[in-house]
Amino acid sequence: MFMAAVAMFSFVACGGGNKSADSAKESAEKVETKSENAASSSNFDAYVKLIEEATPLLEKVANGDMEAIQEYAKIAEKMSEITANLQSELTSNPELMQKYTEVAQKFAEAAARVSGQ
């Protein structure tokens, strides 16, 4: 699990460095994108919920907090499963694809801010 968390975190935001807790909180608030404002599906809603759970863990993962790394790994695994289930919906629904891309981009940006990039 540790390696999965490290791999997922590295994929989302490479690099080192730390930001303050305020920056991480600000990043988490920016990532919180509710699907009710756009195209939606149960898989997409679940994906957004997982993003919202993962975002506050980013700083702790960057700091090497083992408990956070384990939790992040569990969330990353669920995100991967949901993304696989969501693929057919995304290809057939351009609006949903756009919202998915926006949410994923905001999460990547939050991870980059926490890692100092």
C-alpha atoms as a PDB file:
ATOM      1  CA  MET A   1       0.000   0.000   0.000  1.00  0.00           C
ATOM      2  CA  PHE A   2       2.821   2.374   0.815  1.00  0.00           C
ATOM      3  CA  MET A   3       4.241   1.986  -2.675  1.00  0.00           C
ATOM      4  CA  ALA A   4       0.803   2.573  -4.213  1.00  0.00           C
ATOM      5  CA  ALA A   5       0.419   5.778  -2.224  1.00  0.00           C
ATOM      6  CA  VAL A   6       3.880   6.935  -3.170  1.00  0.00           C
ATOM      7  CA  ALA A   7       3.307   6.051  -6.814  1.00  0.00           C
ATOM      8  CA  MET A   8      -0.071   7.797  -6.916  1.00  0.00           C
ATOM      9  CA  PHE A   9       1.250  10.853  -5.153  1.00  0.00           C
ATOM     10  CA  SER A  10       4.279  10.958  -7.424  1.00  0.00           C
ATOM     11  CA  PHE A  11       2.053  10.665 -10.466  1.00  0.00           C
ATOM     12  CA  VAL A  12      -0.191  13.492  -9.335  1.00  0.00           C
ATOM     13  CA  ALA A  13       2.496  15.821  -8.038  1.00  0.00           C
ATOM     14  CA  CYS A  14       6.185  15.196  -8.450  1.00  0.00           C
ATOM     15  CA  GLY A  15       8.670  17.159  -6.428  1.00  0.00           C
ATOM     16  CA  GLY A  16       9.450  18.016  -2.842  1.00  0.00           C
ATOM     17  CA  GLY A  17       8.845  20.861  -0.479  1.00  0.00           C
ATOM     18  CA  ASN A  18       6.013  21.737   1.840  1.00  0.00           C
ATOM     19  CA  LYS A  19       3.417  24.464   2.064  1.00  0.00           C
ATOM     20  CA  SER A  20       1.714  25.753   5.175  1.00  0.00           C
ATOM     21  CA  ALA A  21      -1.453  24.200   6.531  1.00  0.00           C
ATOM     22  CA  ASP A  22      -3.329  27.262   5.294  1.00  0.00           C
ATOM     23  CA  SER A  23      -2.180  26.573   1.731  1.00  0.00           C
ATOM     24  CA  ALA A  24      -3.281  22.949   1.956  1.00  0.00           C
ATOM     25  CA  LYS A  25      -6.651  24.004   3.352  1.00  0.00           C
ATOM     26  CA  GLU A  26      -7.029  26.576   0.572  1.00  0.00           C
ATOM     27  CA  SER A  27      -6.161  23.903  -1.986  1.00  0.00           C
ATOM     28  CA  ALA A  28      -8.714  21.535  -0.496  1.00  0.00           C
ATOM     29  CA  GLU A  29     -11.406  24.190  -0.660  1.00  0.00           C
ATOM     30  CA  LYS A  30     -10.650  24.852  -4.318  1.00  0.00           C
ATOM     31  CA  VAL A  31     -10.859  21.157  -5.177  1.00  0.00           C
ATOM     32  CA  GLU A  32     -14.259  20.715  -3.587  1.00  0.00           C
ATOM     33  CA  THR A  33     -16.255  20.728  -6.792  1.00  0.00           C
ATOM     34  CA  LYS A  34     -19.780  19.492  -6.390  1.00  0.00           C
ATOM     35  CA  SER A  35     -21.239  17.564  -9.272  1.00  0.00           C
ATOM     36  CA  GLU A  36     -24.720  18.955  -8.759  1.00  0.00           C
ATOM     37  CA  ASN A  37     -23.745  21.978 -10.849  1.00  0.00           C
ATOM     38  CA  ALA A  38     -22.984  19.875 -13.910  1.00  0.00           C
ATOM     39  CA  ALA A  39     -23.544  16.582 -15.601  1.00  0.00           C
ATOM     40  CA  SER A  40     -23.628  13.852 -13.023  1.00  0.00           C
ATOM     41  CA  SER A  41     -23.610  10.132 -12.474  1.00  0.00           C
ATOM     42  CA  SER A  42     -23.270   7.973  -9.394  1.00  0.00           C
ATOM     43  CA  ASN A  43     -19.721   7.039 -10.436  1.00  0.00           C
ATOM     44  CA  PHE A  44     -18.800  10.681 -10.967  1.00  0.00           C
ATOM     45  CA  ASP A  45     -20.326  11.667  -7.630  1.00  0.00           C
ATOM     46  CA  ALA A  46     -18.324   8.908  -5.921  1.00  0.00           C
ATOM     47  CA  TYR A  47     -15.161  10.097  -7.692  1.00  0.00           C
ATOM     48  CA  VAL A  48     -15.725  13.685  -6.491  1.00  0.00           C
ATOM     49  CA  LYS A  49     -16.307  12.429  -2.945  1.00  0.00           C
ATOM     50  CA  LEU A  50     -13.021  10.533  -3.018  1.00  0.00           C
ATOM     51  CA  ILE A  51     -11.193  13.608  -4.330  1.00  0.00           C
ATOM     52  CA  GLU A  52     -12.634  15.574  -1.418  1.00  0.00           C
ATOM     53  CA  GLU A  53     -11.406  12.880   1.007  1.00  0.00           C
ATOM     54  CA  ALA A  54      -7.944  12.691  -0.579  1.00  0.00           C
ATOM     55  CA  THR A  55      -7.192  16.399  -0.814  1.00  0.00           C
ATOM     56  CA  PRO A  56      -6.762  17.057   2.916  1.00  0.00           C
ATOM     57  CA  LEU A  57      -4.361  14.100   3.084  1.00  0.00           C
ATOM     58  CA  LEU A  58      -1.960  15.542   0.498  1.00  0.00           C
ATOM     59  CA  GLU A  59       0.120  17.602   2.913  1.00  0.00           C
ATOM     60  CA  LYS A  60       0.344  14.747   5.421  1.00  0.00           C
ATOM     61  CA  VAL A  61       1.413  12.346   2.666  1.00  0.00           C
ATOM     62  CA  ALA A  62       4.033  14.858   1.501  1.00  0.00           C
ATOM     63  CA  ASN A  63       5.329  15.001   5.079  1.00  0.00           C
ATOM     64  CA  GLY A  64       5.611  11.204   5.282  1.00  0.00           C
ATOM     65  CA  ASP A  65       2.733  10.568   7.701  1.00  0.00           C
ATOM     66  CA  MET A  66       2.334   6.791   7.448  1.00  0.00           C
ATOM     67  CA  GLU A  67      -1.305   6.764   8.549  1.00  0.00           C
ATOM     68  CA  ALA A  68      -2.155   9.364   5.902  1.00  0.00           C
ATOM     69  CA  ILE A  69      -0.169   7.429   3.298  1.00  0.00           C
ATOM     70  CA  GLN A  70      -2.152   4.280   4.053  1.00  0.00           C
ATOM     71  CA  GLU A  71      -5.466   6.127   3.903  1.00  0.00           C
ATOM     72  CA  TYR A  72      -4.424   7.870   0.692  1.00  0.00           C
ATOM     73  CA  ALA A  73      -3.502   4.521  -0.842  1.00  0.00           C
ATOM     74  CA  LYS A  74      -6.967   3.149  -0.051  1.00  0.00           C
ATOM     75  CA  ILE A  75      -8.609   6.203  -1.580  1.00  0.00           C
ATOM     76  CA  ALA A  76      -6.346   6.044  -4.647  1.00  0.00           C
ATOM     77  CA  GLU A  77      -7.318   2.399  -5.184  1.00  0.00           C
ATOM     78  CA  LYS A  78     -11.011   3.269  -4.986  1.00  0.00           C
ATOM     79  CA  MET A  79     -10.464   6.193  -7.366  1.00  0.00           C
ATOM     80  CA  SER A  80      -8.828   3.857  -9.848  1.00  0.00           C
ATOM     81  CA  GLU A  81     -11.743   1.424  -9.685  1.00  0.00           C
ATOM     82  CA  ILE A  82     -14.325   4.168 -10.085  1.00  0.00           C
ATOM     83  CA  THR A  83     -12.422   5.722 -12.975  1.00  0.00           C
ATOM     84  CA  ALA A  84     -12.445   2.365 -14.753  1.00  0.00           C
ATOM     85  CA  ASN A  85     -16.219   2.135 -14.249  1.00  0.00           C
ATOM     86  CA  LEU A  86     -16.696   5.747 -15.300  1.00  0.00           C
ATOM     87  CA  GLN A  87     -14.843   5.484 -18.623  1.00  0.00           C
ATOM     88  CA  SER A  88     -17.844   4.485 -20.750  1.00  0.00           C
ATOM     89  CA  GLU A  89     -19.932   7.275 -19.257  1.00  0.00           C
ATOM     90  CA  LEU A  90     -17.179   9.793 -19.964  1.00  0.00           C
ATOM     91  CA  THR A  91     -16.833   8.791 -23.607  1.00  0.00           C
ATOM     92  CA  SER A  92     -20.565   9.078 -24.210  1.00  0.00           C
ATOM     93  CA  ASN A  93     -21.131  12.296 -22.247  1.00  0.00           C
ATOM     94  CA  PRO A  94     -18.901  15.262 -23.206  1.00  0.00           C
ATOM     95  CA  GLU A  95     -20.260  17.460 -20.409  1.00  0.00           C
ATOM     96  CA  LEU A  96     -19.455  14.796 -17.822  1.00  0.00           C
ATOM     97  CA  MET A  97     -16.007  14.357 -19.381  1.00  0.00           C
ATOM     98  CA  GLN A  98     -15.392  18.093 -19.048  1.00  0.00           C
ATOM     99  CA  LYS A  99     -16.405  18.099 -15.370  1.00  0.00           C
ATOM    100  CA  TYR A 100     -14.281  15.010 -14.703  1.00  0.00           C
ATOM    101  CA  THR A 101     -11.296  16.712 -16.330  1.00  0.00           C
ATOM    102  CA  GLU A 102     -11.858  19.884 -14.296  1.00  0.00           C
ATOM    103  CA  VAL A 103     -12.059  17.984 -11.002  1.00  0.00           C
ATOM    104  CA  ALA A 104      -8.960  15.915 -11.813  1.00  0.00           C
ATOM    105  CA  GLN A 105      -7.068  19.059 -12.849  1.00  0.00           C
ATOM    106  CA  LYS A 106      -7.970  20.889  -9.622  1.00  0.00           C
ATOM    107  CA  PHE A 107      -6.823  17.881  -7.617  1.00  0.00           C
ATOM    108  CA  ALA A 108      -3.520  17.791  -9.516  1.00  0.00           C
ATOM    109  CA  GLU A 109      -3.076  21.526  -8.922  1.00  0.00           C
ATOM    110  CA  ALA A 110      -3.738  21.093  -5.185  1.00  0.00           C
ATOM    111  CA  ALA A 111      -1.183  18.295  -5.060  1.00  0.00           C
ATOM    112  CA  ALA A 112       1.341  20.436  -6.904  1.00  0.00           C
ATOM    113  CA  ARG A 113       0.812  23.349  -4.474  1.00  0.00           C
ATOM    114  CA  VAL A 114       1.299  21.081  -1.471  1.00  0.00           C
ATOM    115  CA  SER A 115       4.457  19.597  -2.973  1.00  0.00           C
ATOM    116  CA  GLY A 116       5.857  23.050  -3.639  1.00  0.00           C
ATOM    117  CA  GLN A 117       5.558  23.167  -7.416  1.00  0.00           C
END
